[in-house]
Amino acid sequence: MTFRIGLLVFPDIMQLDMTGPHEVFTKMPETEVLLVWKSLDPVRAGDGLRLLPDATFADCPQLDLICVPGGAGMNALLTDEETLGFLRRQSEGARYVTSVCTGSLVLGAAGLLKGKRSACHWMSRDMLERFGAIPDAARVVKDGKFISGGGVTAGIDFALAVAAELLGEETAKAIQLAIEYDPAPPFDAGSPDRAGAEIEQAARDAASARQAERLAAVEKAAARL
């Protein structure tokens, strides 16, 4: 039987949150991968890449796995009842409810993460507490049927973990080799503790307006639960 995966797309999505897992999921046998949004109109990602949805909320079939990526555009989703309602409906029948980066905040806003451990981008991880979730700094976090990846590039690790869960480690390893996922970054600065205080502060300063907007949206969404 075909395993059906739905990846939420939305304006100003961080496309790598979605395209990393998409590359892994499309390598899985007997798997259908759909991009899902409110309409079939092209969606413009935060970096300008245009994404073409395959299904709308109205006609999307029941998914076996629903995944919510992150990015600046997820701020608006925190109080978007149409999106939150879709996630709630899908989560009832889905085998797995998942997220990458700040997508976990959207699941939290939908009321799906109360008492659950979840990953998130390091800069927004503590915001999960507003939704009754338990922030976890691990790169991939599994709590029952909820699986989450940390920030951006963790989406690939997350998807490989899903592949291993469904198909076994050997298949997941074969997919990893097929996409030559063999990270060896030129700098050891991928987390705040290794980047150092000065670089961390520069990153926080650059994102301060977006983070303030996100926190306000999180608090508004949390008040509605």
C-alpha atoms as a PDB file:
ATOM      1  CA  MET A   1       0.000   0.000   0.000  1.00  0.00           C
ATOM      2  CA  THR A   2       1.300   3.452  -0.898  1.00  0.00           C
ATOM      3  CA  PHE A   3       2.474   5.602   2.016  1.00  0.00           C
ATOM      4  CA  ARG A   4       1.191   9.140   1.490  1.00  0.00           C
ATOM      5  CA  ILE A   5       3.182  12.142   2.742  1.00  0.00           C
ATOM      6  CA  GLY A   6       1.978  15.743   2.715  1.00  0.00           C
ATOM      7  CA  LEU A   7       4.382  18.662   3.052  1.00  0.00           C
ATOM      8  CA  LEU A   8       2.765  21.975   3.920  1.00  0.00           C
ATOM      9  CA  VAL A   9       3.918  24.895   1.764  1.00  0.00           C
ATOM     10  CA  PHE A  10       3.086  28.556   2.359  1.00  0.00           C
ATOM     11  CA  PRO A  11       4.285  32.046   1.399  1.00  0.00           C
ATOM     12  CA  ASP A  12       7.753  32.897   2.774  1.00  0.00           C
ATOM     13  CA  ILE A  13       8.508  29.297   3.676  1.00  0.00           C
ATOM     14  CA  MET A  14      12.163  28.431   4.308  1.00  0.00           C
ATOM     15  CA  GLN A  15      12.325  26.203   1.243  1.00  0.00           C
ATOM     16  CA  LEU A  16      15.202  24.032   2.523  1.00  0.00           C
ATOM     17  CA  ASP A  17      13.031  23.023   5.487  1.00  0.00           C
ATOM     18  CA  MET A  18      10.782  21.386   2.900  1.00  0.00           C
ATOM     19  CA  THR A  19      13.059  20.492  -0.012  1.00  0.00           C
ATOM     20  CA  GLY A  20      15.565  18.623   2.168  1.00  0.00           C
ATOM     21  CA  PRO A  21      12.945  16.143   3.441  1.00  0.00           C
ATOM     22  CA  HIS A  22      11.264  16.122   0.026  1.00  0.00           C
ATOM     23  CA  GLU A  23      14.475  14.828  -1.572  1.00  0.00           C
ATOM     24  CA  VAL A  24      14.637  11.976   0.939  1.00  0.00           C
ATOM     25  CA  PHE A  25      10.948  11.120   0.910  1.00  0.00           C
ATOM     26  CA  THR A  26      10.781  10.897  -2.883  1.00  0.00           C
ATOM     27  CA  LYS A  27      13.512   8.242  -2.739  1.00  0.00           C
ATOM     28  CA  MET A  28      11.378   6.013  -0.527  1.00  0.00           C
ATOM     29  CA  PRO A  29       9.655   3.125  -2.367  1.00  0.00           C
ATOM     30  CA  GLU A  30       5.863   2.992  -2.568  1.00  0.00           C
ATOM     31  CA  THR A  31       5.599   6.559  -1.308  1.00  0.00           C
ATOM     32  CA  GLU A  32       3.563   9.454  -2.681  1.00  0.00           C
ATOM     33  CA  VAL A  33       4.697  12.958  -1.726  1.00  0.00           C
ATOM     34  CA  LEU A  34       2.306  15.911  -2.025  1.00  0.00           C
ATOM     35  CA  LEU A  35       2.833  19.628  -1.520  1.00  0.00           C
ATOM     36  CA  VAL A  36      -0.269  21.018   0.163  1.00  0.00           C
ATOM     37  CA  TRP A  37      -1.617  24.554   0.520  1.00  0.00           C
ATOM     38  CA  LYS A  38      -4.898  26.479   0.438  1.00  0.00           C
ATOM     39  CA  SER A  39      -4.896  26.741  -3.354  1.00  0.00           C
ATOM     40  CA  LEU A  40      -2.978  25.332  -6.315  1.00  0.00           C
ATOM     41  CA  ASP A  41      -1.473  28.730  -7.136  1.00  0.00           C
ATOM     42  CA  PRO A  42       2.343  28.932  -7.049  1.00  0.00           C
ATOM     43  CA  VAL A  43       3.749  29.698  -3.608  1.00  0.00           C
ATOM     44  CA  ARG A  44       6.722  32.031  -3.355  1.00  0.00           C
ATOM     45  CA  ALA A  45       9.315  30.875  -0.823  1.00  0.00           C
ATOM     46  CA  GLY A  46      11.301  33.322   1.246  1.00  0.00           C
ATOM     47  CA  ASP A  47      14.255  33.144  -1.112  1.00  0.00           C
ATOM     48  CA  GLY A  48      12.085  33.690  -4.197  1.00  0.00           C
ATOM     49  CA  LEU A  49      11.822  30.058  -5.313  1.00  0.00           C
ATOM     50  CA  ARG A  50       8.329  29.271  -6.572  1.00  0.00           C
ATOM     51  CA  LEU A  51       6.686  26.058  -5.406  1.00  0.00           C
ATOM     52  CA  LEU A  52       3.667  24.439  -7.046  1.00  0.00           C
ATOM     53  CA  PRO A  53       1.186  22.744  -4.677  1.00  0.00           C
ATOM     54  CA  ASP A  54      -0.258  19.354  -5.632  1.00  0.00           C
ATOM     55  CA  ALA A  55      -3.345  19.466  -3.414  1.00  0.00           C
ATOM     56  CA  THR A  56      -5.454  21.957  -1.516  1.00  0.00           C
ATOM     57  CA  PHE A  57      -6.718  21.684   2.047  1.00  0.00           C
ATOM     58  CA  ALA A  58     -10.156  20.955   0.628  1.00  0.00           C
ATOM     59  CA  ASP A  59      -9.172  18.081  -1.652  1.00  0.00           C
ATOM     60  CA  CYS A  60      -6.160  16.647   0.174  1.00  0.00           C
ATOM     61  CA  PRO A  61      -6.668  12.957   0.947  1.00  0.00           C
ATOM     62  CA  GLN A  62      -5.927  11.541   4.374  1.00  0.00           C
ATOM     63  CA  LEU A  63      -2.163  11.596   4.831  1.00  0.00           C
ATOM     64  CA  ASP A  64      -0.068   8.966   6.547  1.00  0.00           C
ATOM     65  CA  LEU A  65       2.467  11.641   7.446  1.00  0.00           C
ATOM     66  CA  ILE A  66       1.930  15.387   7.617  1.00  0.00           C
ATOM     67  CA  CYS A  67       4.983  17.655   7.816  1.00  0.00           C
ATOM     68  CA  VAL A  68       5.057  21.369   8.640  1.00  0.00           C
ATOM     69  CA  PRO A  69       8.253  23.229   7.643  1.00  0.00           C
ATOM     70  CA  GLY A  70       9.262  26.602   9.054  1.00  0.00           C
ATOM     71  CA  GLY A  71      10.456  29.972   7.848  1.00  0.00           C
ATOM     72  CA  ALA A  72       9.388  33.579   8.349  1.00  0.00           C
ATOM     73  CA  GLY A  73       6.003  32.905   6.754  1.00  0.00           C
ATOM     74  CA  MET A  74       4.955  30.537   9.531  1.00  0.00           C
ATOM     75  CA  ASN A  75       4.374  33.513  11.827  1.00  0.00           C
ATOM     76  CA  ALA A  76       1.115  34.212  10.003  1.00  0.00           C
ATOM     77  CA  LEU A  77       0.028  30.580  10.319  1.00  0.00           C
ATOM     78  CA  LEU A  78       0.055  30.681  14.116  1.00  0.00           C
ATOM     79  CA  THR A  79      -3.360  32.357  14.131  1.00  0.00           C
ATOM     80  CA  ASP A  80      -4.619  31.135  10.750  1.00  0.00           C
ATOM     81  CA  GLU A  81      -7.577  28.958  11.653  1.00  0.00           C
ATOM     82  CA  GLU A  82      -7.896  27.516   8.151  1.00  0.00           C
ATOM     83  CA  THR A  83      -4.373  26.079   8.347  1.00  0.00           C
ATOM     84  CA  LEU A  84      -4.628  25.045  11.992  1.00  0.00           C
ATOM     85  CA  GLY A  85      -7.945  23.317  11.364  1.00  0.00           C
ATOM     86  CA  PHE A  86      -6.473  21.393   8.445  1.00  0.00           C
ATOM     87  CA  LEU A  87      -3.589  20.202  10.611  1.00  0.00           C
ATOM     88  CA  ARG A  88      -5.930  19.120  13.393  1.00  0.00           C
ATOM     89  CA  ARG A  89      -8.088  17.125  10.967  1.00  0.00           C
ATOM     90  CA  GLN A  90      -5.134  15.447   9.315  1.00  0.00           C
ATOM     91  CA  SER A  91      -3.464  14.623  12.624  1.00  0.00           C
ATOM     92  CA  GLU A  92      -6.427  12.543  13.716  1.00  0.00           C
ATOM     93  CA  GLY A  93      -5.831   9.921  11.013  1.00  0.00           C
ATOM     94  CA  ALA A  94      -2.115  10.368  10.327  1.00  0.00           C
ATOM     95  CA  ARG A  95       0.386   7.796  11.514  1.00  0.00           C
ATOM     96  CA  TYR A  96       2.966  10.537  11.986  1.00  0.00           C
ATOM     97  CA  VAL A  97       2.649  14.264  12.675  1.00  0.00           C
ATOM     98  CA  THR A  98       5.938  15.994  11.988  1.00  0.00           C
ATOM     99  CA  SER A  99       7.746  19.285  11.601  1.00  0.00           C
ATOM    100  CA  VAL A 100      11.035  20.868  10.650  1.00  0.00           C
ATOM    101  CA  CYS A 101      12.528  23.997  12.225  1.00  0.00           C
ATOM    102  CA  THR A 102       9.872  26.469  13.428  1.00  0.00           C
ATOM    103  CA  GLY A 103       7.121  24.368  11.881  1.00  0.00           C
ATOM    104  CA  SER A 104       6.776  22.812  15.339  1.00  0.00           C
ATOM    105  CA  LEU A 105       5.381  26.130  16.596  1.00  0.00           C
ATOM    106  CA  VAL A 106       2.523  25.792  14.112  1.00  0.00           C
ATOM    107  CA  LEU A 107       1.739  22.312  15.425  1.00  0.00           C
ATOM    108  CA  GLY A 108       1.836  23.811  18.905  1.00  0.00           C
ATOM    109  CA  ALA A 109      -0.581  26.556  17.875  1.00  0.00           C
ATOM    110  CA  ALA A 110      -2.923  23.841  16.605  1.00  0.00           C
ATOM    111  CA  GLY A 111      -2.912  22.364  20.110  1.00  0.00           C
ATOM    112  CA  LEU A 112      -1.151  19.174  19.026  1.00  0.00           C
ATOM    113  CA  LEU A 113       2.026  19.273  21.131  1.00  0.00           C
ATOM    114  CA  LYS A 114       0.779  19.576  24.715  1.00  0.00           C
ATOM    115  CA  GLY A 115       3.051  17.450  26.886  1.00  0.00           C
ATOM    116  CA  LYS A 116       5.113  16.391  23.866  1.00  0.00           C
ATOM    117  CA  ARG A 117       8.848  16.804  23.390  1.00  0.00           C
ATOM    118  CA  SER A 118       9.715  18.723  20.240  1.00  0.00           C
ATOM    119  CA  ALA A 119      12.651  20.183  18.360  1.00  0.00           C
ATOM    120  CA  CYS A 120      12.705  23.657  16.858  1.00  0.00           C
ATOM    121  CA  HIS A 121      15.202  26.188  15.511  1.00  0.00           C
ATOM    122  CA  TRP A 122      17.470  27.200  18.398  1.00  0.00           C
ATOM    123  CA  MET A 123      16.394  30.842  18.255  1.00  0.00           C
ATOM    124  CA  SER A 124      12.694  30.002  18.742  1.00  0.00           C
ATOM    125  CA  ARG A 125      12.880  26.733  20.698  1.00  0.00           C
ATOM    126  CA  ASP A 126      11.823  28.194  24.052  1.00  0.00           C
ATOM    127  CA  MET A 127       8.616  29.505  22.471  1.00  0.00           C
ATOM    128  CA  LEU A 128       7.321  25.929  22.390  1.00  0.00           C
ATOM    129  CA  GLU A 129       6.676  26.179  26.124  1.00  0.00           C
ATOM    130  CA  ARG A 130       3.826  28.635  25.443  1.00  0.00           C
ATOM    131  CA  PHE A 131       1.953  25.736  23.821  1.00  0.00           C
ATOM    132  CA  GLY A 132       2.614  23.258  26.608  1.00  0.00           C
ATOM    133  CA  ALA A 133       5.308  21.451  24.611  1.00  0.00           C
ATOM    134  CA  ILE A 134       8.688  20.395  25.991  1.00  0.00           C
ATOM    135  CA  PRO A 135      11.576  21.985  24.030  1.00  0.00           C
ATOM    136  CA  ASP A 136      14.288  19.498  23.108  1.00  0.00           C
ATOM    137  CA  ALA A 137      17.635  20.564  21.664  1.00  0.00           C
ATOM    138  CA  ALA A 138      18.232  17.261  19.869  1.00  0.00           C
ATOM    139  CA  ARG A 139      18.567  17.366  16.093  1.00  0.00           C
ATOM    140  CA  VAL A 140      15.717  14.863  15.661  1.00  0.00           C
ATOM    141  CA  VAL A 141      13.106  14.272  18.365  1.00  0.00           C
ATOM    142  CA  LYS A 142      10.520  11.471  18.449  1.00  0.00           C
ATOM    143  CA  ASP A 143       7.670  11.407  20.948  1.00  0.00           C
ATOM    144  CA  GLY A 144       5.071   8.840  19.980  1.00  0.00           C
ATOM    145  CA  LYS A 145       3.758   9.674  16.528  1.00  0.00           C
ATOM    146  CA  PHE A 146       5.275  13.149  16.687  1.00  0.00           C
ATOM    147  CA  ILE A 147       8.684  13.540  15.015  1.00  0.00           C
ATOM    148  CA  SER A 148      10.465  16.857  14.659  1.00  0.00           C
ATOM    149  CA  GLY A 149      13.712  18.142  13.195  1.00  0.00           C
ATOM    150  CA  GLY A 150      15.671  21.106  14.535  1.00  0.00           C
ATOM    151  CA  GLY A 151      16.703  24.039  12.390  1.00  0.00           C
ATOM    152  CA  VAL A 152      16.644  24.019   8.573  1.00  0.00           C
ATOM    153  CA  THR A 153      19.284  21.432   7.560  1.00  0.00           C
ATOM    154  CA  ALA A 154      18.069  19.056  10.283  1.00  0.00           C
ATOM    155  CA  GLY A 155      15.220  18.325   7.893  1.00  0.00           C
ATOM    156  CA  ILE A 156      17.448  15.871   6.049  1.00  0.00           C
ATOM    157  CA  ASP A 157      18.356  14.059   9.274  1.00  0.00           C
ATOM    158  CA  PHE A 158      14.689  14.052  10.251  1.00  0.00           C
ATOM    159  CA  ALA A 159      13.610  12.537   6.930  1.00  0.00           C
ATOM    160  CA  LEU A 160      16.281   9.843   7.077  1.00  0.00           C
ATOM    161  CA  ALA A 161      15.087   8.986  10.592  1.00  0.00           C
ATOM    162  CA  VAL A 162      11.548   8.661   9.226  1.00  0.00           C
ATOM    163  CA  ALA A 163      12.822   6.414   6.409  1.00  0.00           C
ATOM    164  CA  ALA A 164      14.559   4.205   8.959  1.00  0.00           C
ATOM    165  CA  GLU A 165      11.413   4.063  11.087  1.00  0.00           C
ATOM    166  CA  LEU A 166       9.283   2.974   8.131  1.00  0.00           C
ATOM    167  CA  LEU A 167      11.659   0.930   6.011  1.00  0.00           C
ATOM    168  CA  GLY A 168      14.594  -0.026   8.208  1.00  0.00           C
ATOM    169  CA  GLU A 169      18.100   1.329   8.593  1.00  0.00           C
ATOM    170  CA  GLU A 170      19.530  -0.337   5.504  1.00  0.00           C
ATOM    171  CA  THR A 171      17.045   1.399   3.214  1.00  0.00           C
ATOM    172  CA  ALA A 172      17.615   4.724   4.972  1.00  0.00           C
ATOM    173  CA  LYS A 173      21.374   4.302   4.609  1.00  0.00           C
ATOM    174  CA  ALA A 174      20.974   3.543   0.910  1.00  0.00           C
ATOM    175  CA  ILE A 175      18.988   6.768   0.475  1.00  0.00           C
ATOM    176  CA  GLN A 176      21.643   8.695   2.384  1.00  0.00           C
ATOM    177  CA  LEU A 177      24.304   7.318   0.065  1.00  0.00           C
ATOM    178  CA  ALA A 178      22.193   8.012  -3.039  1.00  0.00           C
ATOM    179  CA  ILE A 179      21.965  11.701  -2.148  1.00  0.00           C
ATOM    180  CA  GLU A 180      25.581  11.653  -0.878  1.00  0.00           C
ATOM    181  CA  TYR A 181      24.594  13.202   2.411  1.00  0.00           C
ATOM    182  CA  ASP A 182      28.051  13.310   3.930  1.00  0.00           C
ATOM    183  CA  PRO A 183      28.205  16.692   5.660  1.00  0.00           C
ATOM    184  CA  ALA A 184      31.622  18.180   6.300  1.00  0.00           C
ATOM    185  CA  PRO A 185      31.033  21.922   6.749  1.00  0.00           C
ATOM    186  CA  PRO A 186      33.993  24.279   6.403  1.00  0.00           C
ATOM    187  CA  PHE A 187      33.213  25.814   9.814  1.00  0.00           C
ATOM    188  CA  ASP A 188      32.093  24.380  13.140  1.00  0.00           C
ATOM    189  CA  ALA A 189      29.558  27.135  13.727  1.00  0.00           C
ATOM    190  CA  GLY A 190      26.229  25.384  13.237  1.00  0.00           C
ATOM    191  CA  SER A 191      24.995  25.788  16.804  1.00  0.00           C
ATOM    192  CA  PRO A 192      25.181  28.685  19.272  1.00  0.00           C
ATOM    193  CA  ASP A 193      27.484  26.887  21.700  1.00  0.00           C
ATOM    194  CA  ARG A 194      30.055  26.249  18.972  1.00  0.00           C
ATOM    195  CA  ALA A 195      29.650  29.476  17.008  1.00  0.00           C
ATOM    196  CA  GLY A 196      30.520  31.601  20.020  1.00  0.00           C
ATOM    197  CA  ALA A 197      28.805  34.511  21.739  1.00  0.00           C
ATOM    198  CA  GLU A 198      29.758  37.179  19.204  1.00  0.00           C
ATOM    199  CA  ILE A 199      28.436  35.288  16.176  1.00  0.00           C
ATOM    200  CA  GLU A 200      25.339  34.207  18.075  1.00  0.00           C
ATOM    201  CA  GLN A 201      24.543  37.801  18.993  1.00  0.00           C
ATOM    202  CA  ALA A 202      25.023  38.918  15.392  1.00  0.00           C
ATOM    203  CA  ALA A 203      22.542  36.256  14.269  1.00  0.00           C
ATOM    204  CA  ARG A 204      20.052  37.333  16.940  1.00  0.00           C
ATOM    205  CA  ASP A 205      20.431  40.993  15.977  1.00  0.00           C
ATOM    206  CA  ALA A 206      19.812  40.216  12.301  1.00  0.00           C
ATOM    207  CA  ALA A 207      16.631  38.322  13.167  1.00  0.00           C
ATOM    208  CA  SER A 208      15.365  40.603  15.948  1.00  0.00           C
ATOM    209  CA  ALA A 209      12.395  42.087  14.072  1.00  0.00           C
ATOM    210  CA  ARG A 210      11.188  38.697  12.850  1.00  0.00           C
ATOM    211  CA  GLN A 211      11.630  37.155  16.296  1.00  0.00           C
ATOM    212  CA  ALA A 212       9.678  39.943  17.983  1.00  0.00           C
ATOM    213  CA  GLU A 213       6.857  39.451  15.486  1.00  0.00           C
ATOM    214  CA  ARG A 214       7.002  35.681  16.056  1.00  0.00           C
ATOM    215  CA  LEU A 215       6.865  35.978  19.823  1.00  0.00           C
ATOM    216  CA  ALA A 216       3.851  38.274  19.616  1.00  0.00           C
ATOM    217  CA  ALA A 217       2.109  35.807  17.272  1.00  0.00           C
ATOM    218  CA  VAL A 218       3.010  32.863  19.555  1.00  0.00           C
ATOM    219  CA  GLU A 219       1.581  34.605  22.604  1.00  0.00           C
ATOM    220  CA  LYS A 220      -1.603  35.501  20.735  1.00  0.00           C
ATOM    221  CA  ALA A 221      -1.973  31.920  19.497  1.00  0.00           C
ATOM    222  CA  ALA A 222      -1.262  30.457  22.947  1.00  0.00           C
ATOM    223  CA  ALA A 223      -3.952  32.638  24.483  1.00  0.00           C
ATOM    224  CA  ARG A 224      -6.514  31.061  22.157  1.00  0.00           C
ATOM    225  CA  LEU A 225      -5.819  27.479  23.247  1.00  0.00           C
END
